[in-house]
Amino acid sequence: MTIGIMGIMEKLNSQKISRPAVTNFRHDLIPNKLLSTRKWHALVAATAIILLISAVGVNFSMSPDTGMVSVGELLNQASKLSTRTPSLPDKLPQNTASQPPLFFAGHDEEQPRVPHAIVEFLKSYSLSKFKNAFYDALRFRQYKRVAEQIYRSTGYELIRLDYVPGFIRNTHAVLTYPLGSERKESYFLFWHPPFRVKNFYYTYKGHDIFFLQKKLAALKLYDQRSDGIVGPELLYAVVQFQKQMALQLTGFPDQNTLFFICQLANISENSPLDPTP
């Protein structure tokens, strides 16, 4: 063996080796190269076949008792997650944001018959055309909207009271209507306000304040100059009037306060006697 190798080395050193000879020699030294390349191609083909079969849901678990999730199962789960649609409830809630209140025209509920007392009450003020809207406002306690509608159309302002003095019943038609679950009686009437007070704070000036000073002066509650400016004396006079009439102490000439001020001032101006509620 040693002699053979030495002989080959001497031959390589003494002769020029051609490229084909080197190639043949390399194939002789690495006889398994072609085989290795074929094995690699076979491995790639086998992997592709496994993935193709896995895509159709074939289980490749080596043992059913291993507890491992197979490739096929993972693919199926991923497919389900990607195509799953969110479940919808059997009955979707109705969108009520755009549904009109009941007293507007176009509702499906049949309009109940307006009680005779309400019909006669509105008739006395020539407001019969508002009977359906007004009745629904009483039923659902939504006075502000229908009251503003009536005021813009006719100039009548709605007043709700917890009690009605006798002298008011002599000059105004009054509706008695039970409200709430307790069915507590409330009283309603309409009147034409000669003015409205929208702003009322210290140093505020306006024509409405001038008229308010005149009315309170007729009731002997304001003895300062009527200059149309809200001062401490006028603020005090409004609070004193609300106390005397058992009204809510707001310190503001609201609708009810202004109504009583005007009614009593008219009586005082037309009669020398001091009216008592």
C-alpha atoms as a PDB file:
ATOM      1  CA  MET A   1       0.000   0.000   0.000  1.00  0.00           C
ATOM      2  CA  THR A   2       2.814   2.336   0.876  1.00  0.00           C
ATOM      3  CA  ILE A   3       4.623   1.568  -2.347  1.00  0.00           C
ATOM      4  CA  GLY A   4       1.520   2.266  -4.347  1.00  0.00           C
ATOM      5  CA  ILE A   5       0.986   5.648  -2.783  1.00  0.00           C
ATOM      6  CA  MET A   6       4.582   6.635  -3.195  1.00  0.00           C
ATOM      7  CA  GLY A   7       4.429   5.595  -6.782  1.00  0.00           C
ATOM      8  CA  ILE A   8       1.372   7.720  -7.388  1.00  0.00           C
ATOM      9  CA  MET A   9       3.020  10.717  -5.753  1.00  0.00           C
ATOM     10  CA  GLU A  10       6.115  10.309  -7.901  1.00  0.00           C
ATOM     11  CA  LYS A  11       3.909  10.057 -10.985  1.00  0.00           C
ATOM     12  CA  LEU A  12       1.987  13.213 -10.014  1.00  0.00           C
ATOM     13  CA  ASN A  13       5.228  15.072  -9.480  1.00  0.00           C
ATOM     14  CA  SER A  14       6.766  13.932 -12.751  1.00  0.00           C
ATOM     15  CA  GLN A  15       3.741  14.358 -15.063  1.00  0.00           C
ATOM     16  CA  LYS A  16       1.309  17.166 -15.839  1.00  0.00           C
ATOM     17  CA  ILE A  17      -2.189  16.285 -14.715  1.00  0.00           C
ATOM     18  CA  SER A  18      -5.021  17.208 -17.059  1.00  0.00           C
ATOM     19  CA  ARG A  19      -8.399  18.645 -15.862  1.00  0.00           C
ATOM     20  CA  PRO A  20     -10.355  15.473 -16.794  1.00  0.00           C
ATOM     21  CA  ALA A  21      -7.975  13.432 -14.746  1.00  0.00           C
ATOM     22  CA  VAL A  22      -8.523  15.659 -11.717  1.00  0.00           C
ATOM     23  CA  THR A  23     -12.300  15.397 -12.109  1.00  0.00           C
ATOM     24  CA  ASN A  24     -12.191  11.623 -12.331  1.00  0.00           C
ATOM     25  CA  PHE A  25      -9.913  11.506  -9.341  1.00  0.00           C
ATOM     26  CA  ARG A  26     -12.303  13.661  -7.287  1.00  0.00           C
ATOM     27  CA  HIS A  27     -15.241  11.403  -8.146  1.00  0.00           C
ATOM     28  CA  ASP A  28     -13.151   8.424  -7.065  1.00  0.00           C
ATOM     29  CA  LEU A  29     -12.381  10.039  -3.692  1.00  0.00           C
ATOM     30  CA  ILE A  30     -16.085  11.188  -3.096  1.00  0.00           C
ATOM     31  CA  PRO A  31     -18.137   8.338  -4.475  1.00  0.00           C
ATOM     32  CA  ASN A  32     -21.300   9.198  -2.426  1.00  0.00           C
ATOM     33  CA  LYS A  33     -21.793  12.822  -3.595  1.00  0.00           C
ATOM     34  CA  LEU A  34     -24.398  11.955  -6.179  1.00  0.00           C
ATOM     35  CA  LEU A  35     -26.148   9.740  -3.695  1.00  0.00           C
ATOM     36  CA  SER A  36     -26.230  12.578  -1.124  1.00  0.00           C
ATOM     37  CA  THR A  37     -27.748  14.940  -3.689  1.00  0.00           C
ATOM     38  CA  ARG A  38     -30.462  12.437  -4.497  1.00  0.00           C
ATOM     39  CA  LYS A  39     -31.227  11.951  -0.812  1.00  0.00           C
ATOM     40  CA  TRP A  40     -31.652  15.713  -0.387  1.00  0.00           C
ATOM     41  CA  HIS A  41     -34.121  15.931  -3.266  1.00  0.00           C
ATOM     42  CA  ALA A  42     -36.024  12.971  -1.879  1.00  0.00           C
ATOM     43  CA  LEU A  43     -36.224  14.644   1.563  1.00  0.00           C
ATOM     44  CA  VAL A  44     -37.586  17.874   0.058  1.00  0.00           C
ATOM     45  CA  ALA A  45     -40.185  15.947  -1.933  1.00  0.00           C
ATOM     46  CA  ALA A  46     -41.272  13.977   1.141  1.00  0.00           C
ATOM     47  CA  THR A  47     -41.661  17.189   3.194  1.00  0.00           C
ATOM     48  CA  ALA A  48     -43.797  18.752   0.462  1.00  0.00           C
ATOM     49  CA  ILE A  49     -46.019  15.673   0.354  1.00  0.00           C
ATOM     50  CA  ILE A  50     -46.433  15.773   4.155  1.00  0.00           C
ATOM     51  CA  LEU A  51     -47.431  19.449   4.096  1.00  0.00           C
ATOM     52  CA  LEU A  52     -49.855  18.825   1.219  1.00  0.00           C
ATOM     53  CA  ILE A  53     -51.553  16.005   3.068  1.00  0.00           C
ATOM     54  CA  SER A  54     -51.593  18.077   6.276  1.00  0.00           C
ATOM     55  CA  ALA A  55     -53.460  20.846   4.470  1.00  0.00           C
ATOM     56  CA  VAL A  56     -56.419  18.533   3.908  1.00  0.00           C
ATOM     57  CA  GLY A  57     -56.605  17.616   7.568  1.00  0.00           C
ATOM     58  CA  VAL A  58     -54.697  14.343   7.834  1.00  0.00           C
ATOM     59  CA  ASN A  59     -53.398  13.722  11.337  1.00  0.00           C
ATOM     60  CA  PHE A  60     -49.640  13.216  11.577  1.00  0.00           C
ATOM     61  CA  SER A  61     -49.426  12.507  15.270  1.00  0.00           C
ATOM     62  CA  MET A  62     -46.936   9.790  15.944  1.00  0.00           C
ATOM     63  CA  SER A  63     -48.931   8.500  18.867  1.00  0.00           C
ATOM     64  CA  PRO A  64     -52.536   9.193  19.873  1.00  0.00           C
ATOM     65  CA  ASP A  65     -51.519   9.172  23.512  1.00  0.00           C
ATOM     66  CA  THR A  66     -48.864  11.849  23.280  1.00  0.00           C
ATOM     67  CA  GLY A  67     -51.320  14.694  23.843  1.00  0.00           C
ATOM     68  CA  MET A  68     -49.574  16.800  21.184  1.00  0.00           C
ATOM     69  CA  VAL A  69     -51.584  18.815  18.685  1.00  0.00           C
ATOM     70  CA  SER A  70     -50.953  17.592  15.147  1.00  0.00           C
ATOM     71  CA  VAL A  71     -50.006  19.795  12.245  1.00  0.00           C
ATOM     72  CA  GLY A  72     -53.321  19.048  10.585  1.00  0.00           C
ATOM     73  CA  GLU A  73     -55.224  20.149  13.665  1.00  0.00           C
ATOM     74  CA  LEU A  74     -53.282  23.390  13.883  1.00  0.00           C
ATOM     75  CA  LEU A  75     -53.995  24.143  10.251  1.00  0.00           C
ATOM     76  CA  ASN A  76     -57.678  23.402  10.722  1.00  0.00           C
ATOM     77  CA  GLN A  77     -57.845  25.686  13.769  1.00  0.00           C
ATOM     78  CA  ALA A  78     -56.078  28.482  11.931  1.00  0.00           C
ATOM     79  CA  SER A  79     -58.467  28.078   9.010  1.00  0.00           C
ATOM     80  CA  LYS A  80     -61.478  28.266  11.316  1.00  0.00           C
ATOM     81  CA  LEU A  81     -60.147  31.355  13.055  1.00  0.00           C
ATOM     82  CA  SER A  82     -59.505  33.151   9.770  1.00  0.00           C
ATOM     83  CA  THR A  83     -62.964  32.407   8.345  1.00  0.00           C
ATOM     84  CA  ARG A  84     -65.066  32.634  11.517  1.00  0.00           C
ATOM     85  CA  THR A  85     -67.725  35.343  11.462  1.00  0.00           C
ATOM     86  CA  PRO A  86     -68.894  37.035  14.654  1.00  0.00           C
ATOM     87  CA  SER A  87     -72.108  35.596  16.007  1.00  0.00           C
ATOM     88  CA  LEU A  88     -75.123  37.896  16.017  1.00  0.00           C
ATOM     89  CA  PRO A  89     -77.854  37.893  18.652  1.00  0.00           C
ATOM     90  CA  ASP A  90     -81.148  36.401  17.655  1.00  0.00           C
ATOM     91  CA  LYS A  91     -82.921  39.730  18.151  1.00  0.00           C
ATOM     92  CA  LEU A  92     -81.131  42.999  17.607  1.00  0.00           C
ATOM     93  CA  PRO A  93     -82.200  45.970  19.765  1.00  0.00           C
ATOM     94  CA  GLN A  94     -84.121  48.588  17.876  1.00  0.00           C
ATOM     95  CA  ASN A  95     -82.554  51.957  17.311  1.00  0.00           C
ATOM     96  CA  THR A  96     -84.777  54.366  19.221  1.00  0.00           C
ATOM     97  CA  ALA A  97     -82.568  57.442  18.858  1.00  0.00           C
ATOM     98  CA  SER A  98     -84.462  58.710  15.840  1.00  0.00           C
ATOM     99  CA  GLN A  99     -87.946  57.703  16.971  1.00  0.00           C
ATOM    100  CA  PRO A 100     -90.116  60.778  17.576  1.00  0.00           C
ATOM    101  CA  PRO A 101     -91.884  61.408  20.890  1.00  0.00           C
ATOM    102  CA  LEU A 102     -95.353  60.020  21.182  1.00  0.00           C
ATOM    103  CA  PHE A 103     -97.157  63.341  20.822  1.00  0.00           C
ATOM    104  CA  PHE A 104     -95.658  63.952  17.362  1.00  0.00           C
ATOM    105  CA  ALA A 105     -97.668  63.028  14.306  1.00  0.00           C
ATOM    106  CA  GLY A 106     -96.765  59.764  12.646  1.00  0.00           C
ATOM    107  CA  HIS A 107     -96.541  57.479  15.686  1.00  0.00           C
ATOM    108  CA  ASP A 108     -98.091  54.056  15.498  1.00  0.00           C
ATOM    109  CA  GLU A 109     -99.946  54.149  18.794  1.00  0.00           C
ATOM    110  CA  GLU A 110    -103.560  55.132  18.511  1.00  0.00           C
ATOM    111  CA  GLN A 111    -104.169  58.555  20.009  1.00  0.00           C
ATOM    112  CA  PRO A 112    -106.238  58.187  23.188  1.00  0.00           C
ATOM    113  CA  ARG A 113    -109.335  60.242  23.587  1.00  0.00           C
ATOM    114  CA  VAL A 114    -108.700  63.581  25.264  1.00  0.00           C
ATOM    115  CA  PRO A 115    -110.691  63.918  28.523  1.00  0.00           C
ATOM    116  CA  HIS A 116    -113.601  66.315  28.481  1.00  0.00           C
ATOM    117  CA  ALA A 117    -112.103  68.482  31.254  1.00  0.00           C
ATOM    118  CA  ILE A 118    -108.976  69.144  29.169  1.00  0.00           C
ATOM    119  CA  VAL A 119    -111.046  69.905  26.084  1.00  0.00           C
ATOM    120  CA  GLU A 120    -113.129  72.485  27.981  1.00  0.00           C
ATOM    121  CA  PHE A 121    -110.036  73.932  29.664  1.00  0.00           C
ATOM    122  CA  LEU A 122    -108.261  74.573  26.354  1.00  0.00           C
ATOM    123  CA  LYS A 123    -111.460  75.771  24.745  1.00  0.00           C
ATOM    124  CA  SER A 124    -111.752  78.572  27.304  1.00  0.00           C
ATOM    125  CA  TYR A 125    -108.380  79.891  26.073  1.00  0.00           C
ATOM    126  CA  SER A 126    -109.159  79.225  22.378  1.00  0.00           C
ATOM    127  CA  LEU A 127    -106.404  76.601  22.315  1.00  0.00           C
ATOM    128  CA  SER A 128    -108.468  73.629  21.188  1.00  0.00           C
ATOM    129  CA  LYS A 129    -106.105  72.794  18.311  1.00  0.00           C
ATOM    130  CA  PHE A 130    -103.419  71.882  20.853  1.00  0.00           C
ATOM    131  CA  LYS A 131    -105.571  69.383  22.753  1.00  0.00           C
ATOM    132  CA  ASN A 132    -103.750  66.226  21.587  1.00  0.00           C
ATOM    133  CA  ALA A 133    -100.275  67.673  22.118  1.00  0.00           C
ATOM    134  CA  PHE A 134    -101.246  69.137  25.479  1.00  0.00           C
ATOM    135  CA  TYR A 135    -102.836  65.903  26.696  1.00  0.00           C
ATOM    136  CA  ASP A 136     -99.761  63.895  25.736  1.00  0.00           C
ATOM    137  CA  ALA A 137     -97.594  66.473  27.476  1.00  0.00           C
ATOM    138  CA  LEU A 138     -99.581  65.900  30.665  1.00  0.00           C
ATOM    139  CA  ARG A 139     -99.413  62.124  30.321  1.00  0.00           C
ATOM    140  CA  PHE A 140     -95.655  62.054  29.790  1.00  0.00           C
ATOM    141  CA  ARG A 141     -94.806  65.180  31.788  1.00  0.00           C
ATOM    142  CA  GLN A 142     -93.199  66.967  28.857  1.00  0.00           C
ATOM    143  CA  TYR A 143     -94.598  70.418  29.401  1.00  0.00           C
ATOM    144  CA  LYS A 144     -91.704  72.584  28.282  1.00  0.00           C
ATOM    145  CA  ARG A 145     -91.777  71.701  24.607  1.00  0.00           C
ATOM    146  CA  VAL A 146     -95.506  71.981  24.063  1.00  0.00           C
ATOM    147  CA  ALA A 147     -95.671  75.084  26.292  1.00  0.00           C
ATOM    148  CA  GLU A 148     -93.035  76.821  24.168  1.00  0.00           C
ATOM    149  CA  GLN A 149     -94.887  75.830  21.017  1.00  0.00           C
ATOM    150  CA  ILE A 150     -98.122  77.320  22.341  1.00  0.00           C
ATOM    151  CA  TYR A 151     -96.347  80.486  23.468  1.00  0.00           C
ATOM    152  CA  ARG A 152     -94.733  81.058  20.073  1.00  0.00           C
ATOM    153  CA  SER A 153     -98.062  80.511  18.330  1.00  0.00           C
ATOM    154  CA  THR A 154    -100.424  82.403  20.620  1.00  0.00           C
ATOM    155  CA  GLY A 155     -98.502  84.331  23.279  1.00  0.00           C
ATOM    156  CA  TYR A 156    -100.089  82.228  26.043  1.00  0.00           C
ATOM    157  CA  GLU A 157     -97.705  80.939  28.694  1.00  0.00           C
ATOM    158  CA  LEU A 158     -98.424  77.735  30.634  1.00  0.00           C
ATOM    159  CA  ILE A 159     -98.260  77.930  34.423  1.00  0.00           C
ATOM    160  CA  ARG A 160     -98.198  74.876  36.696  1.00  0.00           C
ATOM    161  CA  LEU A 161     -98.965  75.416  40.373  1.00  0.00           C
ATOM    162  CA  ASP A 162     -99.149  73.284  43.484  1.00  0.00           C
ATOM    163  CA  TYR A 163    -102.004  75.413  44.834  1.00  0.00           C
ATOM    164  CA  VAL A 164    -104.290  78.108  43.433  1.00  0.00           C
ATOM    165  CA  PRO A 165    -105.457  81.083  45.515  1.00  0.00           C
ATOM    166  CA  GLY A 166    -109.107  81.995  45.248  1.00  0.00           C
ATOM    167  CA  PHE A 167    -108.549  85.281  43.422  1.00  0.00           C
ATOM    168  CA  ILE A 168    -106.757  83.406  40.610  1.00  0.00           C
ATOM    169  CA  ARG A 169    -109.764  81.150  40.034  1.00  0.00           C
ATOM    170  CA  ASN A 170    -111.900  84.269  39.606  1.00  0.00           C
ATOM    171  CA  THR A 171    -109.877  85.450  36.622  1.00  0.00           C
ATOM    172  CA  HIS A 172    -108.447  82.286  35.022  1.00  0.00           C
ATOM    173  CA  ALA A 173    -109.714  78.886  33.986  1.00  0.00           C
ATOM    174  CA  VAL A 174    -107.805  76.275  35.994  1.00  0.00           C
ATOM    175  CA  LEU A 175    -107.272  72.617  35.153  1.00  0.00           C
ATOM    176  CA  THR A 176    -106.779  70.124  37.970  1.00  0.00           C
ATOM    177  CA  TYR A 177    -104.837  67.068  36.871  1.00  0.00           C
ATOM    178  CA  PRO A 178    -103.167  64.272  38.917  1.00  0.00           C
ATOM    179  CA  LEU A 179     -99.516  63.650  38.102  1.00  0.00           C
ATOM    180  CA  GLY A 180     -97.008  60.930  38.866  1.00  0.00           C
ATOM    181  CA  SER A 181     -97.440  57.548  40.478  1.00  0.00           C
ATOM    182  CA  GLU A 182     -98.777  59.212  43.607  1.00  0.00           C
ATOM    183  CA  ARG A 183    -101.466  60.954  41.547  1.00  0.00           C
ATOM    184  CA  LYS A 184    -100.744  64.254  43.245  1.00  0.00           C
ATOM    185  CA  GLU A 185    -103.018  66.995  42.015  1.00  0.00           C
ATOM    186  CA  SER A 186    -101.421  69.814  40.050  1.00  0.00           C
ATOM    187  CA  TYR A 187    -103.032  72.930  38.663  1.00  0.00           C
ATOM    188  CA  PHE A 188    -102.556  74.391  35.203  1.00  0.00           C
ATOM    189  CA  LEU A 189    -103.549  77.680  33.629  1.00  0.00           C
ATOM    190  CA  PHE A 190    -102.542  80.013  30.808  1.00  0.00           C
ATOM    191  CA  TRP A 191    -101.869  83.734  30.836  1.00  0.00           C
ATOM    192  CA  HIS A 192    -100.456  86.498  28.641  1.00  0.00           C
ATOM    193  CA  PRO A 193     -97.270  87.734  30.327  1.00  0.00           C
ATOM    194  CA  PRO A 194     -96.704  91.476  29.668  1.00  0.00           C
ATOM    195  CA  PHE A 195     -92.943  90.816  29.744  1.00  0.00           C
ATOM    196  CA  ARG A 196     -90.452  88.056  30.459  1.00  0.00           C
ATOM    197  CA  VAL A 197     -87.307  88.257  32.568  1.00  0.00           C
ATOM    198  CA  LYS A 198     -84.478  86.325  30.923  1.00  0.00           C
ATOM    199  CA  ASN A 199     -81.493  87.801  32.791  1.00  0.00           C
ATOM    200  CA  PHE A 200     -81.460  88.723  36.445  1.00  0.00           C
ATOM    201  CA  TYR A 201     -78.164  89.372  38.181  1.00  0.00           C
ATOM    202  CA  TYR A 202     -76.511  92.239  40.047  1.00  0.00           C
ATOM    203  CA  THR A 203     -76.007  95.389  37.906  1.00  0.00           C
ATOM    204  CA  TYR A 204     -77.891  93.896  34.937  1.00  0.00           C
ATOM    205  CA  LYS A 205     -79.911  96.541  33.089  1.00  0.00           C
ATOM    206  CA  GLY A 206     -82.933  96.043  30.852  1.00  0.00           C
ATOM    207  CA  HIS A 207     -86.477  97.134  30.093  1.00  0.00           C
ATOM    208  CA  ASP A 208     -87.834  93.969  31.700  1.00  0.00           C
ATOM    209  CA  ILE A 209     -86.174  94.996  34.977  1.00  0.00           C
ATOM    210  CA  PHE A 210     -87.867  98.405  34.783  1.00  0.00           C
ATOM    211  CA  PHE A 211     -91.293  96.754  34.502  1.00  0.00           C
ATOM    212  CA  LEU A 212     -90.474  94.374  37.348  1.00  0.00           C
ATOM    213  CA  GLN A 213     -89.531  97.300  39.605  1.00  0.00           C
ATOM    214  CA  LYS A 214     -92.829  98.994  38.822  1.00  0.00           C
ATOM    215  CA  LYS A 215     -94.834  95.882  39.724  1.00  0.00           C
ATOM    216  CA  LEU A 216     -92.996  95.334  42.996  1.00  0.00           C
ATOM    217  CA  ALA A 217     -93.356  99.006  43.864  1.00  0.00           C
ATOM    218  CA  ALA A 218     -97.143  98.631  43.485  1.00  0.00           C
ATOM    219  CA  LEU A 219     -96.962  95.851  46.082  1.00  0.00           C
ATOM    220  CA  LYS A 220     -94.980  98.063  48.498  1.00  0.00           C
ATOM    221  CA  LEU A 221     -91.996  95.715  48.262  1.00  0.00           C
ATOM    222  CA  TYR A 222     -89.699  98.053  46.338  1.00  0.00           C
ATOM    223  CA  ASP A 223     -89.316 101.738  47.236  1.00  0.00           C
ATOM    224  CA  GLN A 224     -86.281 102.699  45.181  1.00  0.00           C
ATOM    225  CA  ARG A 225     -86.093 104.523  41.867  1.00  0.00           C
ATOM    226  CA  SER A 226     -87.194 102.461  38.875  1.00  0.00           C
ATOM    227  CA  ASP A 227     -84.021 102.657  36.791  1.00  0.00           C
ATOM    228  CA  GLY A 228     -84.080  99.216  35.139  1.00  0.00           C
ATOM    229  CA  ILE A 229     -80.959  98.097  36.985  1.00  0.00           C
ATOM    230  CA  VAL A 230     -80.797  95.046  39.264  1.00  0.00           C
ATOM    231  CA  GLY A 231     -79.595  96.214  42.648  1.00  0.00           C
ATOM    232  CA  PRO A 232     -79.552  94.722  46.161  1.00  0.00           C
ATOM    233  CA  GLU A 233     -82.989  96.173  46.987  1.00  0.00           C
ATOM    234  CA  LEU A 234     -84.584  94.504  43.957  1.00  0.00           C
ATOM    235  CA  LEU A 235     -82.903  91.182  44.721  1.00  0.00           C
ATOM    236  CA  TYR A 236     -84.211  91.379  48.275  1.00  0.00           C
ATOM    237  CA  ALA A 237     -87.744  92.300  47.090  1.00  0.00           C
ATOM    238  CA  VAL A 238     -87.982  89.205  44.854  1.00  0.00           C
ATOM    239  CA  VAL A 239     -86.938  86.906  47.694  1.00  0.00           C
ATOM    240  CA  GLN A 240     -89.395  88.548  50.093  1.00  0.00           C
ATOM    241  CA  PHE A 241     -92.254  88.107  47.630  1.00  0.00           C
ATOM    242  CA  GLN A 242     -91.443  84.404  47.150  1.00  0.00           C
ATOM    243  CA  LYS A 243     -91.482  83.929  50.933  1.00  0.00           C
ATOM    244  CA  GLN A 244     -94.850  85.643  51.322  1.00  0.00           C
ATOM    245  CA  MET A 245     -96.403  83.564  48.529  1.00  0.00           C
ATOM    246  CA  ALA A 246     -94.821  80.292  49.706  1.00  0.00           C
ATOM    247  CA  LEU A 247     -93.071  79.914  46.367  1.00  0.00           C
ATOM    248  CA  GLN A 248     -89.769  78.209  45.755  1.00  0.00           C
ATOM    249  CA  LEU A 249     -86.973  80.492  46.951  1.00  0.00           C
ATOM    250  CA  THR A 250     -84.970  80.813  43.761  1.00  0.00           C
ATOM    251  CA  GLY A 251     -84.165  84.542  44.026  1.00  0.00           C
ATOM    252  CA  PHE A 252     -85.091  84.734  40.342  1.00  0.00           C
ATOM    253  CA  PRO A 253     -88.371  86.089  38.913  1.00  0.00           C
ATOM    254  CA  ASP A 254     -89.287  82.805  37.230  1.00  0.00           C
ATOM    255  CA  GLN A 255     -92.596  82.162  35.464  1.00  0.00           C
ATOM    256  CA  ASN A 256     -94.628  81.410  38.587  1.00  0.00           C
ATOM    257  CA  THR A 257     -93.111  84.273  40.570  1.00  0.00           C
ATOM    258  CA  LEU A 258     -93.671  86.745  37.759  1.00  0.00           C
ATOM    259  CA  PHE A 259     -97.230  85.502  37.292  1.00  0.00           C
ATOM    260  CA  PHE A 260     -98.177  86.177  40.915  1.00  0.00           C
ATOM    261  CA  ILE A 261     -96.348  89.509  40.974  1.00  0.00           C
ATOM    262  CA  CYS A 262     -98.294  90.729  37.955  1.00  0.00           C
ATOM    263  CA  GLN A 263    -101.653  89.393  39.193  1.00  0.00           C
ATOM    264  CA  LEU A 264    -101.349  90.998  42.634  1.00  0.00           C
ATOM    265  CA  ALA A 265     -99.915  94.217  41.232  1.00  0.00           C
ATOM    266  CA  ASN A 266    -102.899  94.557  38.870  1.00  0.00           C
ATOM    267  CA  ILE A 267    -105.289  94.109  41.783  1.00  0.00           C
ATOM    268  CA  SER A 268    -103.368  96.629  43.865  1.00  0.00           C
ATOM    269  CA  GLU A 269    -103.333  99.179  41.077  1.00  0.00           C
ATOM    270  CA  ASN A 270    -107.080  98.807  40.445  1.00  0.00           C
ATOM    271  CA  SER A 271    -108.232  98.620  44.061  1.00  0.00           C
ATOM    272  CA  PRO A 272    -107.373 100.698  47.124  1.00  0.00           C
ATOM    273  CA  LEU A 273    -107.644  97.616  49.265  1.00  0.00           C
ATOM    274  CA  ASP A 274    -104.679  95.434  50.077  1.00  0.00           C
ATOM    275  CA  PRO A 275    -105.433  92.095  48.413  1.00  0.00           C
ATOM    276  CA  THR A 276    -104.870  88.935  50.318  1.00  0.00           C
ATOM    277  CA  PRO A 277    -104.349  85.603  48.578  1.00  0.00           C
END
